[in-house]
Amino acid sequence: MGYVLGKIRTAVGSAQLLMAQKFYQFRELCEENLNPNAHPRPTSQDLAGFWDMLQLSIENISMKFDELHQLKANNWKQMDPLDKKVEQCRFCMVHLKTCTNTGQSK
């Protein structure tokens, strides 16, 4: 159960950090971008780059919560590697991405 609690704490902590700090930082950058007296004044490209970084963090956190949902569906037991590969293939098919397990496009 310690494994599961660690996963839960990691997912929740990552989400809290993102909401409490990273979104606040993005808001501050947006406000500085609108302020002609700000030095240095972030550019639109700076904001876009920061937002892209946030998107990657959001996707990473989403994957952590997806893993928790899978653990819950498996009665909070670790999935064996074969089950994970099957789940990844389903994910690839749903999202129309290239499957890393077979190298084939779905």
C-alpha atoms as a PDB file:
ATOM      1  CA  MET A   1       0.000   0.000   0.000  1.00  0.00           C
ATOM      2  CA  GLY A   2       2.998   2.315   0.482  1.00  0.00           C
ATOM      3  CA  TYR A   3       3.577   2.187  -3.271  1.00  0.00           C
ATOM      4  CA  VAL A   4       0.029   3.391  -3.943  1.00  0.00           C
ATOM      5  CA  LEU A   5       0.197   6.127  -1.309  1.00  0.00           C
ATOM      6  CA  GLY A   6       3.418   7.355  -2.873  1.00  0.00           C
ATOM      7  CA  LYS A   7       1.761   7.484  -6.292  1.00  0.00           C
ATOM      8  CA  ILE A   8      -1.220   9.380  -4.857  1.00  0.00           C
ATOM      9  CA  ARG A   9       0.990  11.872  -3.033  1.00  0.00           C
ATOM     10  CA  THR A  10       3.094  12.428  -6.139  1.00  0.00           C
ATOM     11  CA  ALA A  11       0.074  13.060  -8.376  1.00  0.00           C
ATOM     12  CA  VAL A  12      -1.665  15.366  -5.897  1.00  0.00           C
ATOM     13  CA  GLY A  13       1.538  17.213  -5.010  1.00  0.00           C
ATOM     14  CA  SER A  14       2.396  17.764  -8.664  1.00  0.00           C
ATOM     15  CA  ALA A  15      -1.096  19.109  -9.379  1.00  0.00           C
ATOM     16  CA  GLN A  16      -0.984  21.414  -6.355  1.00  0.00           C
ATOM     17  CA  LEU A  17       2.433  22.739  -7.348  1.00  0.00           C
ATOM     18  CA  LEU A  18       1.224  23.416 -10.869  1.00  0.00           C
ATOM     19  CA  MET A  19      -1.872  25.278  -9.693  1.00  0.00           C
ATOM     20  CA  ALA A  20      -0.255  27.188  -6.838  1.00  0.00           C
ATOM     21  CA  GLN A  21       2.993  28.233  -8.488  1.00  0.00           C
ATOM     22  CA  LYS A  22       3.198  27.675 -12.222  1.00  0.00           C
ATOM     23  CA  PHE A  23      -0.202  29.145 -13.140  1.00  0.00           C
ATOM     24  CA  TYR A  24       0.465  32.075 -10.819  1.00  0.00           C
ATOM     25  CA  GLN A  25       3.820  32.612 -12.513  1.00  0.00           C
ATOM     26  CA  PHE A  26       2.137  32.516 -15.939  1.00  0.00           C
ATOM     27  CA  ARG A  27      -0.421  35.089 -14.810  1.00  0.00           C
ATOM     28  CA  GLU A  28       2.383  37.352 -13.588  1.00  0.00           C
ATOM     29  CA  LEU A  29       4.165  37.018 -16.926  1.00  0.00           C
ATOM     30  CA  CYS A  30       0.939  37.904 -18.760  1.00  0.00           C
ATOM     31  CA  GLU A  31       0.479  40.996 -16.603  1.00  0.00           C
ATOM     32  CA  GLU A  32       4.095  42.036 -17.212  1.00  0.00           C
ATOM     33  CA  ASN A  33       3.571  41.515 -20.938  1.00  0.00           C
ATOM     34  CA  LEU A  34       0.662  43.982 -20.833  1.00  0.00           C
ATOM     35  CA  ASN A  35       2.631  46.531 -18.802  1.00  0.00           C
ATOM     36  CA  PRO A  36       4.678  48.791 -21.111  1.00  0.00           C
ATOM     37  CA  ASN A  37       6.856  49.850 -18.140  1.00  0.00           C
ATOM     38  CA  ALA A  38       7.911  46.301 -17.185  1.00  0.00           C
ATOM     39  CA  HIS A  39      11.628  45.573 -17.444  1.00  0.00           C
ATOM     40  CA  PRO A  40      12.272  43.075 -18.814  1.00  0.00           C
ATOM     41  CA  ARG A  41       8.936  42.807 -20.596  1.00  0.00           C
ATOM     42  CA  PRO A  42       8.067  39.222 -21.607  1.00  0.00           C
ATOM     43  CA  THR A  43       7.258  38.819 -25.285  1.00  0.00           C
ATOM     44  CA  SER A  44       4.357  36.886 -26.758  1.00  0.00           C
ATOM     45  CA  GLN A  45       6.856  34.185 -27.703  1.00  0.00           C
ATOM     46  CA  ASP A  46       7.980  33.998 -24.069  1.00  0.00           C
ATOM     47  CA  LEU A  47       4.367  33.487 -23.007  1.00  0.00           C
ATOM     48  CA  ALA A  48       3.805  30.853 -25.686  1.00  0.00           C
ATOM     49  CA  GLY A  49       6.941  28.986 -24.616  1.00  0.00           C
ATOM     50  CA  PHE A  50       5.939  29.078 -20.961  1.00  0.00           C
ATOM     51  CA  TRP A  51       2.426  27.870 -21.876  1.00  0.00           C
ATOM     52  CA  ASP A  52       3.905  24.974 -23.868  1.00  0.00           C
ATOM     53  CA  MET A  53       5.919  24.029 -20.789  1.00  0.00           C
ATOM     54  CA  LEU A  54       2.716  24.148 -18.715  1.00  0.00           C
ATOM     55  CA  GLN A  55       0.969  21.902 -21.241  1.00  0.00           C
ATOM     56  CA  LEU A  56       3.717  19.301 -20.860  1.00  0.00           C
ATOM     57  CA  SER A  57       3.329  19.453 -17.081  1.00  0.00           C
ATOM     58  CA  ILE A  58      -0.443  19.084 -17.401  1.00  0.00           C
ATOM     59  CA  GLU A  59      -0.048  16.028 -19.637  1.00  0.00           C
ATOM     60  CA  ASN A  60       2.458  14.509 -17.204  1.00  0.00           C
ATOM     61  CA  ILE A  61       0.113  15.039 -14.255  1.00  0.00           C
ATOM     62  CA  SER A  62      -2.810  13.675 -16.238  1.00  0.00           C
ATOM     63  CA  MET A  63      -0.814  10.503 -16.898  1.00  0.00           C
ATOM     64  CA  LYS A  64      -0.141  10.170 -13.160  1.00  0.00           C
ATOM     65  CA  PHE A  65      -3.862  10.342 -12.419  1.00  0.00           C
ATOM     66  CA  ASP A  66      -4.597   7.912 -15.274  1.00  0.00           C
ATOM     67  CA  GLU A  67      -2.188   5.476 -13.635  1.00  0.00           C
ATOM     68  CA  LEU A  68      -4.064   5.905 -10.338  1.00  0.00           C
ATOM     69  CA  HIS A  69      -7.353   5.110 -12.094  1.00  0.00           C
ATOM     70  CA  GLN A  70      -5.747   1.971 -13.527  1.00  0.00           C
ATOM     71  CA  LEU A  71      -4.467   0.974 -10.087  1.00  0.00           C
ATOM     72  CA  LYS A  72      -7.937   1.484  -8.611  1.00  0.00           C
ATOM     73  CA  ALA A  73      -9.484  -0.650 -11.363  1.00  0.00           C
ATOM     74  CA  ASN A  74      -6.914  -3.334 -10.482  1.00  0.00           C
ATOM     75  CA  ASN A  75      -7.867  -3.272  -6.770  1.00  0.00           C
ATOM     76  CA  TRP A  76      -4.863  -1.044  -5.965  1.00  0.00           C
ATOM     77  CA  LYS A  77      -2.387  -3.717  -7.082  1.00  0.00           C
ATOM     78  CA  GLN A  78       0.509  -2.998  -9.410  1.00  0.00           C
ATOM     79  CA  MET A  79      -0.180  -4.059 -12.961  1.00  0.00           C
ATOM     80  CA  ASP A  80       2.308  -6.489 -14.408  1.00  0.00           C
ATOM     81  CA  PRO A  81       4.318  -5.213 -17.401  1.00  0.00           C
ATOM     82  CA  LEU A  82       2.232  -7.203 -19.921  1.00  0.00           C
ATOM     83  CA  ASP A  83      -0.980  -5.552 -18.692  1.00  0.00           C
ATOM     84  CA  LYS A  84       0.683  -2.148 -19.041  1.00  0.00           C
ATOM     85  CA  LYS A  85       1.626  -2.888 -22.661  1.00  0.00           C
ATOM     86  CA  VAL A  86      -1.973  -3.843 -23.475  1.00  0.00           C
ATOM     87  CA  GLU A  87      -3.207  -0.663 -21.780  1.00  0.00           C
ATOM     88  CA  GLN A  88      -0.666   1.429 -23.724  1.00  0.00           C
ATOM     89  CA  CYS A  89      -1.861  -0.101 -26.996  1.00  0.00           C
ATOM     90  CA  ARG A  90      -5.455   0.819 -26.126  1.00  0.00           C
ATOM     91  CA  PHE A  91      -4.267   4.351 -25.338  1.00  0.00           C
ATOM     92  CA  CYS A  92      -2.479   4.529 -28.698  1.00  0.00           C
ATOM     93  CA  MET A  93      -5.596   3.397 -30.553  1.00  0.00           C
ATOM     94  CA  VAL A  94      -7.807   5.894 -28.747  1.00  0.00           C
ATOM     95  CA  HIS A  95      -5.478   8.810 -29.391  1.00  0.00           C
ATOM     96  CA  LEU A  96      -4.486   7.708 -32.927  1.00  0.00           C
ATOM     97  CA  LYS A  97      -0.797   7.785 -32.116  1.00  0.00           C
ATOM     98  CA  THR A  98       1.985   5.464 -33.118  1.00  0.00           C
ATOM     99  CA  CYS A  99       2.096   2.505 -30.774  1.00  0.00           C
ATOM    100  CA  THR A 100       5.497   2.233 -29.107  1.00  0.00           C
ATOM    101  CA  ASN A 101       4.914  -1.454 -28.410  1.00  0.00           C
ATOM    102  CA  THR A 102       4.715  -2.486 -32.058  1.00  0.00           C
ATOM    103  CA  GLY A 103       6.027   0.558 -33.888  1.00  0.00           C
ATOM    104  CA  GLN A 104       2.908   0.548 -36.049  1.00  0.00           C
ATOM    105  CA  SER A 105       0.540   3.443 -36.498  1.00  0.00           C
ATOM    106  CA  LYS A 106      -2.947   2.834 -35.136  1.00  0.00           C
END
